[in-house]
Amino acid sequence: SGPQRGADLRFDLEISFEEAAFGVEKEINLYRDETCEHCHGDGAEPGSKVDTCPECHGSGYVRFTQNTMFGQMVNERPCSKCHGEGKIIDKPCKECRGKGTVKKNKRLKVKIPAGVDNGSRLRVSGEGEAGAKGGQSGDLYVYLYVKPHKFFERDGTTVLCEVPINIVQATLGDEVKVPTLDGQVTMKIPEGTQPGKVLRLKGKGIPSLRGGLRGDQLVRIKVVVPTKLNEKQKEALRSFGDISKDNISPEEKSFFNKVKNFFK
């Protein structure tokens, strides 16, 4: 019959990859129990009479004795006269009908810190359901879901992405535009870059949730082999192949030696 704490609430919120990385303030809409402003949570119409229950004397429960084969047993049950409230309201509040709380929509701003990840949970103290009989409100728990990004993936504070280049760029080296969370940057492709090589962009990752430096961005190189060539392009590649027969890389040489030894 005393003050009761309000229930906790859960709210699922979807945010973008960039919002998770850098933080954002979101406005959400809750439908929850709030303390009735008309009766201030008492459940009684202002000015009406509220008496202590004569049956339970304000405790909300009554005791009764029951005879059993083991002797007398004393039990307790909610008072039937006041329904466990401990008081008799002469005139219930017309707004909440004696409950002390009413359902309302509440718009609330939630600050999401930089560095949160998919599945992170934020606790907003006191923004849950209103308590009964003067009890404190519950808490609000916001569960975050990060939408997939078309360029980036995430591993902790590290951002991963894949950048396609052509054979000429991989062979001779080049400078290419690479997307990052801060916008496009120019990255140098070293001469002789192999497919699958990973290059690092320092400080272009996700900020640490605990504060401090940002992570890095790892760029995996994808060498795209052309599928449609004209005769002039094909002839140029054949010429290149002919003059490159004696220029075998150590990796190729090692492989062919292993094959030769295997068949021997």
Protein backbone atom coordinates (compact mmCIF):
# COMPACT_ATOMS: atom_id res chain seq x y z
CA SER A 1 0.00 0.00 0.00
CA GLY A 2 3.07 2.26 0.12
CA PRO A 3 4.93 4.08 -2.68
CA GLN A 4 5.68 1.89 -5.71
CA ARG A 5 8.45 2.47 -8.24
CA GLY A 6 7.33 2.88 -11.86
CA ALA A 7 8.14 0.29 -14.50
CA ASP A 8 11.19 0.60 -16.76
CA LEU A 9 10.60 1.28 -20.45
CA ARG A 10 12.43 0.07 -23.57
CA PHE A 11 12.74 2.04 -26.79
CA ASP A 12 14.41 0.68 -29.96
CA LEU A 13 16.11 3.39 -32.03
CA GLU A 14 17.71 3.03 -35.47
CA ILE A 15 20.60 5.36 -36.31
CA SER A 16 22.99 5.75 -39.23
CA PHE A 17 26.62 4.58 -39.36
CA GLU A 18 27.82 8.20 -39.18
CA GLU A 19 25.53 9.03 -36.24
CA ALA A 20 26.93 6.05 -34.34
CA ALA A 21 30.48 7.19 -35.09
CA PHE A 22 30.18 10.86 -34.18
CA GLY A 23 27.18 10.96 -31.84
CA VAL A 24 23.84 12.68 -32.31
CA GLU A 25 20.84 14.02 -30.39
CA LYS A 26 17.57 12.33 -31.28
CA GLU A 27 14.01 13.22 -30.35
CA ILE A 28 11.82 10.22 -29.53
CA ASN A 29 8.14 9.86 -28.72
CA LEU A 30 7.04 7.83 -25.67
CA TYR A 31 3.57 6.75 -24.63
CA ARG A 32 3.80 6.21 -20.90
CA ASP A 33 2.17 6.62 -17.48
CA GLU A 34 2.71 10.06 -15.97
CA THR A 35 1.63 11.45 -12.62
CA CYS A 36 -1.85 12.94 -12.85
CA GLU A 37 -1.56 16.71 -12.72
CA HIS A 38 -5.15 17.11 -11.55
CA CYS A 39 -4.77 15.16 -8.29
CA HIS A 40 -0.93 15.18 -8.11
CA GLY A 41 -0.93 11.40 -7.91
CA ASP A 42 -3.24 11.08 -4.88
CA GLY A 43 -6.07 9.53 -6.88
CA ALA A 44 -8.63 11.71 -5.12
CA GLU A 45 -10.52 14.69 -6.51
CA PRO A 46 -8.97 17.86 -5.05
CA GLY A 47 -10.87 18.91 -1.93
CA SER A 48 -12.57 15.54 -1.49
CA LYS A 49 -12.38 13.46 1.67
CA VAL A 50 -9.81 10.65 2.07
CA ASP A 51 -10.25 8.39 5.14
CA THR A 52 -8.07 5.65 6.56
CA CYS A 53 -9.66 2.26 5.91
CA PRO A 54 -11.51 1.10 9.07
CA GLU A 55 -10.95 -2.58 8.21
CA CYS A 56 -7.16 -2.68 7.81
CA HIS A 57 -6.40 0.60 9.63
CA GLY A 58 -4.36 1.85 6.68
CA SER A 59 -2.10 -1.20 6.26
CA GLY A 60 -3.80 -2.47 3.10
CA TYR A 61 -4.08 -6.04 4.34
CA VAL A 62 -5.97 -8.01 6.98
CA ARG A 63 -4.97 -11.04 9.01
CA PHE A 64 -7.09 -14.13 9.49
CA THR A 65 -6.62 -17.34 11.44
CA GLN A 66 -7.10 -20.75 9.86
CA ASN A 67 -7.32 -24.05 11.73
CA THR A 68 -5.38 -26.90 10.14
CA MET A 69 -4.26 -30.39 11.19
CA PHE A 70 -0.96 -28.79 12.21
CA GLY A 71 -2.65 -26.18 14.38
CA GLN A 72 -3.64 -22.58 13.82
CA MET A 73 -2.06 -20.64 10.98
CA VAL A 74 -2.17 -16.85 10.63
CA ASN A 75 -2.38 -15.59 7.05
CA GLU A 76 -2.63 -12.19 5.39
CA ARG A 77 -4.64 -11.05 2.39
CA PRO A 78 -5.39 -7.72 0.71
CA CYS A 79 -8.14 -5.79 2.37
CA SER A 80 -11.38 -6.27 0.43
CA LYS A 81 -12.85 -2.96 1.58
CA CYS A 82 -10.05 -0.70 0.27
CA HIS A 83 -8.57 -3.21 -2.24
CA GLY A 84 -5.19 -3.02 -0.56
CA GLU A 85 -4.94 0.78 -0.78
CA GLY A 86 -5.19 1.44 2.94
CA LYS A 87 -7.52 4.37 2.39
CA ILE A 88 -11.05 5.08 1.27
CA ILE A 89 -11.44 7.80 -1.34
CA ASP A 90 -14.78 9.51 -1.13
CA LYS A 91 -14.55 11.00 -4.63
CA PRO A 92 -11.99 9.53 -7.10
CA CYS A 93 -10.13 11.92 -9.40
CA LYS A 94 -12.11 12.53 -12.58
CA GLU A 95 -8.95 12.61 -14.72
CA CYS A 96 -7.21 9.40 -13.62
CA ARG A 97 -10.25 7.70 -12.00
CA GLY A 98 -8.38 7.17 -8.77
CA LYS A 99 -5.31 5.57 -10.28
CA GLY A 100 -2.98 8.54 -9.73
CA THR A 101 -1.39 8.22 -13.19
CA VAL A 102 -2.56 8.89 -16.76
CA LYS A 103 -1.27 7.76 -20.15
CA LYS A 104 0.37 10.55 -22.14
CA ASN A 105 2.63 11.10 -25.13
CA LYS A 106 6.00 12.56 -24.19
CA ARG A 107 8.60 13.85 -26.63
CA LEU A 108 12.07 13.39 -25.22
CA LYS A 109 15.54 14.30 -26.49
CA VAL A 110 18.16 11.57 -26.10
CA LYS A 111 21.85 12.34 -26.48
CA ILE A 112 23.76 9.49 -28.17
CA PRO A 113 27.52 9.62 -27.49
CA ALA A 114 30.15 9.18 -30.21
CA GLY A 115 31.43 5.63 -30.68
CA VAL A 116 28.31 3.60 -29.87
CA ASP A 117 27.88 0.32 -31.74
CA ASN A 118 25.03 -1.86 -32.91
CA GLY A 119 23.22 -3.26 -29.85
CA SER A 120 24.47 -0.57 -27.45
CA ARG A 121 22.08 0.29 -24.62
CA LEU A 122 21.63 3.75 -23.11
CA ARG A 123 20.01 4.30 -19.71
CA VAL A 124 18.02 7.50 -19.17
CA SER A 125 17.31 7.77 -15.47
CA GLY A 126 13.76 8.62 -14.33
CA GLU A 127 12.20 8.64 -17.81
CA GLY A 128 10.24 5.40 -17.45
CA GLU A 129 6.69 4.93 -16.16
CA ALA A 130 5.59 7.17 -13.31
CA GLY A 131 5.59 5.61 -9.84
CA ALA A 132 2.39 4.99 -7.87
CA LYS A 133 1.51 6.61 -4.55
CA GLY A 134 4.49 8.95 -4.64
CA GLY A 135 6.99 6.32 -5.77
CA GLN A 136 9.89 7.27 -8.04
CA SER A 137 9.68 6.86 -11.80
CA GLY A 138 11.30 3.95 -13.61
CA ASP A 139 14.16 4.29 -16.11
CA LEU A 140 14.18 4.39 -19.90
CA TYR A 141 16.50 2.02 -21.78
CA VAL A 142 17.26 2.97 -25.38
CA TYR A 143 18.57 0.10 -27.54
CA LEU A 144 20.51 1.26 -30.60
CA TYR A 145 20.51 -0.41 -34.01
CA VAL A 146 23.01 0.88 -36.58
CA LYS A 147 21.96 0.74 -40.24
CA PRO A 148 24.44 -0.96 -42.60
CA HIS A 149 26.63 1.38 -44.67
CA LYS A 150 27.08 0.99 -48.43
CA PHE A 151 30.87 1.58 -48.20
CA PHE A 152 32.01 0.83 -44.66
CA GLU A 153 32.07 -2.01 -42.17
CA ARG A 154 33.20 -1.78 -38.57
CA ASP A 155 35.46 -3.75 -36.24
CA GLY A 156 35.57 -1.97 -32.88
CA THR A 157 37.02 1.47 -33.61
CA THR A 158 38.42 0.35 -36.98
CA VAL A 159 36.60 1.16 -40.21
CA LEU A 160 36.97 -1.28 -43.12
CA CYS A 161 36.34 -0.60 -46.80
CA GLU A 162 37.30 -1.96 -50.22
CA VAL A 163 38.60 0.18 -53.10
CA PRO A 164 38.76 -1.11 -56.70
CA ILE A 165 41.69 -0.15 -58.97
CA ASN A 166 42.77 -1.35 -62.41
CA ILE A 167 45.83 -3.38 -63.38
CA VAL A 168 47.75 -0.34 -64.59
CA GLN A 169 47.24 1.49 -61.28
CA ALA A 170 48.26 -1.61 -59.33
CA THR A 171 51.37 -2.11 -61.47
CA LEU A 172 52.64 1.46 -61.82
CA GLY A 173 51.14 2.99 -58.69
CA ASP A 174 48.75 5.93 -58.55
CA GLU A 175 46.81 8.30 -56.33
CA VAL A 176 43.11 7.52 -55.86
CA LYS A 177 40.16 9.09 -54.05
CA VAL A 178 39.01 7.04 -51.05
CA PRO A 179 35.76 7.62 -49.08
CA THR A 180 36.12 8.16 -45.32
CA LEU A 181 33.75 9.26 -42.56
CA ASP A 182 35.23 12.76 -42.96
CA GLY A 183 34.77 12.86 -46.75
CA GLN A 184 37.03 11.86 -49.64
CA VAL A 185 40.80 11.78 -49.17
CA THR A 186 43.64 11.08 -51.58
CA MET A 187 45.53 7.83 -50.92
CA LYS A 188 48.76 6.78 -52.62
CA ILE A 189 48.78 3.33 -54.24
CA PRO A 190 52.36 1.98 -54.17
CA GLU A 191 53.92 0.57 -57.33
CA GLY A 192 53.42 -3.18 -57.63
CA THR A 193 50.41 -3.33 -55.28
CA GLN A 194 48.98 -6.87 -55.11
CA PRO A 195 45.26 -7.78 -54.96
CA GLY A 196 44.03 -7.92 -51.36
CA LYS A 197 46.75 -5.63 -50.00
CA VAL A 198 45.53 -3.61 -47.02
CA LEU A 199 46.52 0.04 -46.65
CA ARG A 200 45.97 2.10 -43.50
CA LEU A 201 44.58 5.60 -43.07
CA LYS A 202 45.53 6.79 -39.58
CA GLY A 203 42.85 8.44 -37.44
CA LYS A 204 40.01 7.92 -39.93
CA GLY A 205 38.14 5.32 -37.88
CA ILE A 206 35.57 5.45 -35.06
CA PRO A 207 36.11 7.56 -31.91
CA SER A 208 36.53 5.50 -28.77
CA LEU A 209 33.38 5.39 -26.63
CA ARG A 210 35.52 5.98 -23.54
CA GLY A 211 37.15 9.02 -25.08
CA GLY A 212 40.60 9.41 -26.56
CA LEU A 213 41.93 8.92 -30.07
CA ARG A 214 40.02 7.68 -33.09
CA GLY A 215 40.71 4.33 -34.67
CA ASP A 216 42.11 3.82 -38.18
CA GLN A 217 40.54 3.00 -41.53
CA LEU A 218 41.79 -0.09 -43.35
CA VAL A 219 41.50 -0.05 -47.13
CA ARG A 220 41.58 -3.39 -48.92
CA ILE A 221 42.72 -3.10 -52.53
CA LYS A 222 40.64 -4.91 -55.15
CA VAL A 223 42.39 -5.20 -58.52
CA VAL A 224 39.72 -5.31 -61.22
CA VAL A 225 40.61 -7.40 -64.28
CA PRO A 226 39.04 -6.00 -67.48
CA THR A 227 36.57 -8.32 -69.21
CA LYS A 228 35.97 -6.44 -72.48
CA LEU A 229 39.06 -5.38 -74.45
CA ASN A 230 39.41 -4.22 -78.02
CA GLU A 231 42.03 -5.71 -80.35
CA LYS A 232 44.49 -2.90 -79.73
CA GLN A 233 44.33 -3.43 -75.97
CA LYS A 234 44.67 -7.19 -76.36
CA GLU A 235 47.71 -6.80 -78.63
CA ALA A 236 49.34 -4.48 -76.10
CA LEU A 237 48.84 -7.08 -73.35
CA ARG A 238 50.24 -9.85 -75.56
CA SER A 239 53.32 -7.74 -76.24
CA PHE A 240 53.70 -7.09 -72.55
CA GLY A 241 53.39 -10.81 -71.84
CA ASP A 242 56.03 -11.66 -74.43
CA ILE A 243 58.63 -9.27 -73.03
CA SER A 244 57.82 -10.31 -69.45
CA LYS A 245 58.45 -14.06 -69.85
CA ASP A 246 61.95 -13.81 -68.40
CA ASN A 247 60.88 -11.44 -65.64
CA ILE A 248 59.38 -13.96 -63.22
CA SER A 249 58.65 -12.81 -59.68
CA PRO A 250 60.17 -14.72 -56.74
CA GLU A 251 56.68 -15.86 -55.73
CA GLU A 252 55.99 -17.32 -59.20
CA LYS A 253 59.44 -18.93 -59.32
CA SER A 254 58.91 -20.57 -55.93
CA PHE A 255 55.51 -21.90 -57.00
CA PHE A 256 56.76 -23.42 -60.25
CA ASN A 257 59.75 -25.00 -58.47
CA LYS A 258 57.34 -26.64 -56.00
CA VAL A 259 55.21 -27.97 -58.88
CA LYS A 260 58.32 -29.30 -60.67
CA ASN A 261 59.57 -31.05 -57.53
CA PHE A 262 56.12 -32.50 -56.87
CA PHE A 263 55.91 -34.22 -60.26
CA LYS A 264 59.49 -35.44 -59.99
